[in-house]
Amino acid sequence: MNQHGDFLWYELMTPDPEASAQFYGPVFGWTVQPPVEAMGNYRIFGLPSVDIGGFMPSPPSMAGAPPVWFGYVAVDDVDRSAAKAVELGGAQHVPPTDIPGVGRFAFLADPDATMFYIMRGENDGTSRAYDPNAVGHCRWNELSSTDSAVAFGFYAALFGWTKGGAMPMGQMGDYQFLDQGGKTFGALMKAAPDTRPGWRQYFGVADIDLACQKITNAGGKVTDGPHEIPGGEYSAHARDPQ
């Protein structure tokens, strides 16, 4: 069972779901399930043994906006956590709502207007969408913020996250690792000038150079990297064709 404060799901809102399916499937080796009309044509990205995330058409309120990935964080009580987020200076975009057979969720924003979901599953099963050691899974969750102290205070109070180690980044301040239940799952950093704060997800691949080539061949763009990161692994930032 996922604990309060765990990332348990990832979701892409895209203006062209079919193009997104054709792009992300080959890049990450994901299967793509047929759309569920009763859920607004929601579709699932997955691996043979586990679902990784969902994707759906961007709502009318996001007309003209580029695609965006959102994370879902597990909470013990959706209603109580949604109210607390507002008390802490955040906002509520979708109030606590039930999805039959799935669970209860709310769509919120932190004080930087960075949006995220909270959710309590209908059953006690454990989501494996986040796995820091697995290919095809989300392996890292990175938040950029205009004010790291305010952002950390918000999420720490809401989810119980704590600070792990940190790497100095000069004028950008620290790259602050975030821990949950004694395990590091991501990091917090100051947003670069002229960029919007937000969450960024890192998905695992078996070969970073091959993955970057697949991204380029499929019409996407590698915007930074690959770069070696502490521990001997490599990361890259990229955009999909949309």
Protein backbone atom coordinates (compact mmCIF):
# COMPACT_ATOMS: atom_id res chain seq x y z
CA MET A 1 0.00 0.00 0.00
CA ASN A 2 1.29 3.46 -0.89
CA GLN A 3 1.96 5.72 2.09
CA HIS A 4 0.85 9.32 2.57
CA GLY A 5 3.27 11.43 0.50
CA ASP A 6 4.25 8.76 -2.07
CA PHE A 7 4.08 9.49 -5.79
CA LEU A 8 1.74 6.85 -7.20
CA TRP A 9 0.72 7.90 -10.74
CA TYR A 10 1.66 10.17 -13.66
CA GLU A 11 -0.62 11.77 -16.23
CA LEU A 12 -0.12 13.55 -19.52
CA MET A 13 -2.63 16.10 -20.82
CA THR A 14 -2.05 16.54 -24.53
CA PRO A 15 -3.80 18.27 -27.45
CA ASP A 16 -3.10 15.21 -29.64
CA PRO A 17 -3.45 11.94 -27.70
CA GLU A 18 -2.90 9.74 -30.76
CA ALA A 19 0.37 11.50 -31.61
CA SER A 20 1.44 11.19 -27.98
CA ALA A 21 0.73 7.45 -28.04
CA GLN A 22 2.82 7.03 -31.18
CA PHE A 23 5.69 8.99 -29.64
CA TYR A 24 5.92 7.75 -26.06
CA GLY A 25 5.22 4.09 -26.78
CA PRO A 26 8.38 3.44 -28.81
CA VAL A 27 10.60 5.82 -26.80
CA PHE A 28 9.95 4.13 -23.45
CA GLY A 29 8.74 0.72 -24.58
CA TRP A 30 5.27 1.40 -23.22
CA THR A 31 2.12 -0.35 -24.36
CA VAL A 32 -0.91 1.84 -24.99
CA GLN A 33 -4.39 0.73 -23.95
CA PRO A 34 -7.53 1.70 -25.91
CA PRO A 35 -9.33 4.87 -24.77
CA VAL A 36 -12.06 4.62 -22.13
CA GLU A 37 -14.93 6.75 -23.43
CA ALA A 38 -16.69 6.83 -20.05
CA MET A 39 -13.58 8.51 -18.59
CA GLY A 40 -13.17 11.20 -21.25
CA ASN A 41 -11.16 8.92 -23.56
CA TYR A 42 -8.57 8.35 -20.86
CA ARG A 43 -5.80 5.98 -21.92
CA ILE A 44 -3.06 4.09 -20.08
CA PHE A 45 0.68 3.82 -20.70
CA GLY A 46 2.11 0.60 -19.32
CA LEU A 47 4.68 -2.14 -19.32
CA PRO A 48 3.81 -5.85 -19.60
CA SER A 49 3.49 -6.21 -15.82
CA VAL A 50 2.52 -2.75 -14.56
CA ASP A 51 0.73 0.46 -15.54
CA ILE A 52 2.90 3.58 -15.50
CA GLY A 53 0.53 6.47 -16.14
CA GLY A 54 -2.36 7.84 -18.10
CA PHE A 55 -2.96 10.38 -20.83
CA MET A 56 -5.98 12.26 -22.03
CA PRO A 57 -7.05 15.15 -24.28
CA SER A 58 -6.25 18.56 -22.86
CA PRO A 59 -9.39 20.19 -21.45
CA PRO A 60 -10.88 23.30 -23.10
CA SER A 61 -9.32 25.46 -20.39
CA MET A 62 -5.89 24.44 -21.75
CA ALA A 63 -6.67 25.17 -25.40
CA GLY A 64 -3.51 26.26 -27.17
CA ALA A 65 -1.25 25.18 -24.31
CA PRO A 66 1.53 22.61 -24.81
CA PRO A 67 1.25 19.13 -23.28
CA VAL A 68 2.08 18.80 -19.60
CA TRP A 69 2.81 15.92 -17.24
CA PHE A 70 1.29 15.86 -13.75
CA GLY A 71 2.08 13.70 -10.74
CA TYR A 72 -0.36 12.13 -8.29
CA VAL A 73 0.63 11.98 -4.62
CA ALA A 74 -1.01 9.52 -2.23
CA VAL A 75 -2.81 10.93 0.81
CA ASP A 76 -4.68 9.34 3.69
CA ASP A 77 -7.66 11.69 3.36
CA VAL A 78 -8.27 13.63 0.13
CA ASP A 79 -10.76 16.10 1.61
CA ARG A 80 -8.57 16.96 4.57
CA SER A 81 -5.43 17.29 2.44
CA ALA A 82 -7.16 19.47 -0.17
CA ALA A 83 -8.39 21.84 2.54
CA LYS A 84 -4.92 21.93 4.10
CA ALA A 85 -3.29 22.78 0.78
CA VAL A 86 -5.50 25.86 0.50
CA GLU A 87 -4.72 26.83 4.10
CA LEU A 88 -1.01 26.61 3.27
CA GLY A 89 -1.33 29.09 0.39
CA GLY A 90 -2.15 26.71 -2.43
CA ALA A 91 -5.28 26.51 -4.58
CA GLN A 92 -7.92 23.96 -5.50
CA HIS A 93 -8.72 23.52 -9.21
CA VAL A 94 -10.86 20.37 -8.94
CA PRO A 95 -12.49 19.60 -5.57
CA PRO A 96 -12.35 16.11 -4.03
CA THR A 97 -14.08 13.83 -6.52
CA ASP A 98 -14.71 10.09 -6.70
CA ILE A 99 -13.74 7.94 -9.70
CA PRO A 100 -15.78 4.73 -9.40
CA GLY A 101 -13.54 1.71 -9.09
CA VAL A 102 -10.38 3.84 -8.88
CA GLY A 103 -10.43 6.19 -5.91
CA ARG A 104 -10.92 9.77 -4.75
CA PHE A 105 -8.78 12.64 -6.06
CA ALA A 106 -8.39 16.41 -6.11
CA PHE A 107 -6.43 18.69 -8.46
CA LEU A 108 -4.44 21.33 -6.58
CA ALA A 109 -1.72 23.95 -6.98
CA ASP A 110 1.10 25.01 -4.71
CA PRO A 111 1.89 28.69 -3.89
CA ASP A 112 3.79 28.96 -7.21
CA ALA A 113 0.64 27.85 -9.10
CA THR A 114 2.38 24.56 -9.94
CA MET A 115 -0.38 21.98 -10.28
CA PHE A 116 -0.48 18.41 -8.98
CA TYR A 117 -2.99 15.74 -7.98
CA ILE A 118 -3.64 14.06 -4.66
CA MET A 119 -5.37 10.71 -4.47
CA ARG A 120 -6.57 7.94 -2.19
CA GLY A 121 -7.00 4.67 -4.05
CA GLU A 122 -10.19 2.66 -3.66
CA ASN A 123 -8.19 -0.44 -2.69
CA ASP A 124 -5.01 -1.01 -0.74
CA GLY A 125 -2.90 -2.12 -3.69
CA THR A 126 0.54 -0.55 -4.18
CA SER A 127 1.26 1.47 -7.32
CA ARG A 128 4.63 0.77 -8.93
CA ALA A 129 4.53 3.67 -11.40
CA TYR A 130 7.42 5.25 -9.48
CA ASP A 131 10.44 2.98 -9.15
CA PRO A 132 13.90 4.60 -8.79
CA ASN A 133 15.65 1.53 -10.21
CA ALA A 134 13.45 0.35 -13.07
CA VAL A 135 13.50 0.96 -16.82
CA GLY A 136 10.24 2.45 -18.11
CA HIS A 137 9.16 3.74 -14.70
CA CYS A 138 9.39 7.26 -13.32
CA ARG A 139 12.69 7.34 -11.43
CA TRP A 140 12.95 10.95 -10.21
CA ASN A 141 10.60 13.85 -9.42
CA GLU A 142 12.10 17.34 -9.68
CA LEU A 143 10.42 20.58 -8.62
CA SER A 144 11.61 24.04 -9.64
CA SER A 145 10.24 26.96 -7.65
CA THR A 146 10.56 30.73 -7.42
CA ASP A 147 11.12 30.37 -3.67
CA SER A 148 12.58 27.07 -2.51
CA ALA A 149 11.95 27.78 1.17
CA VAL A 150 8.25 28.47 0.60
CA ALA A 151 7.90 25.44 -1.67
CA PHE A 152 9.57 23.10 0.79
CA GLY A 153 7.47 24.42 3.66
CA PHE A 154 4.28 23.81 1.68
CA TYR A 155 5.04 20.23 0.65
CA ALA A 156 6.63 19.29 3.97
CA ALA A 157 3.50 20.40 5.83
CA LEU A 158 1.17 18.73 3.33
CA PHE A 159 2.96 15.42 2.75
CA GLY A 160 5.55 15.10 5.50
CA TRP A 161 8.50 15.29 3.08
CA THR A 162 11.90 15.98 4.61
CA LYS A 163 15.23 17.29 3.35
CA GLY A 164 17.94 14.85 2.36
CA GLY A 165 21.37 15.84 1.09
CA ALA A 166 22.01 18.84 -1.15
CA MET A 167 24.32 19.85 -3.98
CA PRO A 168 25.38 23.52 -4.32
CA MET A 169 24.57 25.08 -7.71
CA GLY A 170 26.23 28.48 -7.36
CA GLN A 171 23.86 31.40 -7.89
CA MET A 172 21.01 28.92 -8.35
CA GLY A 173 21.36 27.86 -4.72
CA ASP A 174 21.14 24.22 -3.61
CA TYR A 175 19.78 21.24 -5.46
CA GLN A 176 17.90 19.99 -2.43
CA PHE A 177 17.09 16.29 -2.28
CA LEU A 178 13.61 15.37 -1.02
CA ASP A 179 12.99 12.34 1.15
CA GLN A 180 9.85 10.42 1.99
CA GLY A 181 9.90 7.66 4.57
CA GLY A 182 13.69 7.78 4.68
CA LYS A 183 14.11 7.36 0.91
CA THR A 184 15.08 10.02 -1.63
CA PHE A 185 12.54 10.33 -4.46
CA GLY A 186 13.37 13.69 -6.05
CA ALA A 187 14.70 17.19 -5.55
CA LEU A 188 13.81 20.86 -5.24
CA MET A 189 15.66 23.68 -6.99
CA LYS A 190 15.26 27.35 -7.81
CA ALA A 191 13.57 27.95 -11.17
CA ALA A 192 15.94 29.28 -13.81
CA PRO A 193 15.38 32.88 -14.97
CA ASP A 194 12.61 33.29 -17.56
CA THR A 195 11.28 29.78 -16.94
CA ARG A 196 8.03 28.75 -15.30
CA PRO A 197 8.28 26.81 -12.05
CA GLY A 198 6.90 23.29 -12.16
CA TRP A 199 7.37 19.57 -11.71
CA ARG A 200 9.55 17.56 -14.07
CA GLN A 201 9.49 13.76 -14.22
CA TYR A 202 12.44 11.60 -15.24
CA PHE A 203 11.63 8.21 -16.79
CA GLY A 204 14.13 5.37 -16.82
CA VAL A 205 15.67 4.01 -20.04
CA ALA A 206 18.16 1.21 -20.64
CA ASP A 207 20.37 3.25 -23.00
CA ILE A 208 20.30 7.05 -22.83
CA ASP A 209 21.95 7.59 -26.23
CA LEU A 210 19.54 5.23 -27.94
CA ALA A 211 16.59 6.87 -26.18
CA CYS A 212 17.72 10.33 -27.32
CA GLN A 213 18.03 9.05 -30.87
CA LYS A 214 14.51 7.60 -30.69
CA ILE A 215 13.20 10.94 -29.42
CA THR A 216 14.79 12.78 -32.35
CA ASN A 217 13.67 10.18 -34.91
CA ALA A 218 10.09 10.43 -33.62
CA GLY A 219 9.97 14.21 -34.06
CA GLY A 220 10.87 15.22 -30.52
CA LYS A 221 13.82 17.34 -29.41
CA VAL A 222 16.55 16.74 -26.85
CA THR A 223 16.98 20.15 -25.20
CA ASP A 224 19.79 19.32 -22.76
CA GLY A 225 22.18 16.41 -22.37
CA PRO A 226 22.82 13.61 -22.03
CA HIS A 227 24.90 14.59 -18.99
CA GLU A 228 26.55 12.34 -16.45
CA ILE A 229 25.04 12.74 -12.99
CA PRO A 230 26.36 11.66 -9.56
CA GLY A 231 26.35 7.89 -9.28
CA GLY A 232 27.53 7.27 -12.83
CA GLU A 233 24.14 7.48 -14.55
CA TYR A 234 23.07 9.91 -17.28
CA SER A 235 20.07 12.18 -17.77
CA ALA A 236 18.67 14.30 -20.57
CA HIS A 237 15.81 16.76 -20.94
CA ALA A 238 13.57 16.50 -23.98
CA ARG A 239 10.33 17.74 -25.55
CA ASP A 240 7.80 15.62 -27.41
CA PRO A 241 6.57 16.71 -30.87
CA GLN A 242 3.62 18.63 -29.43
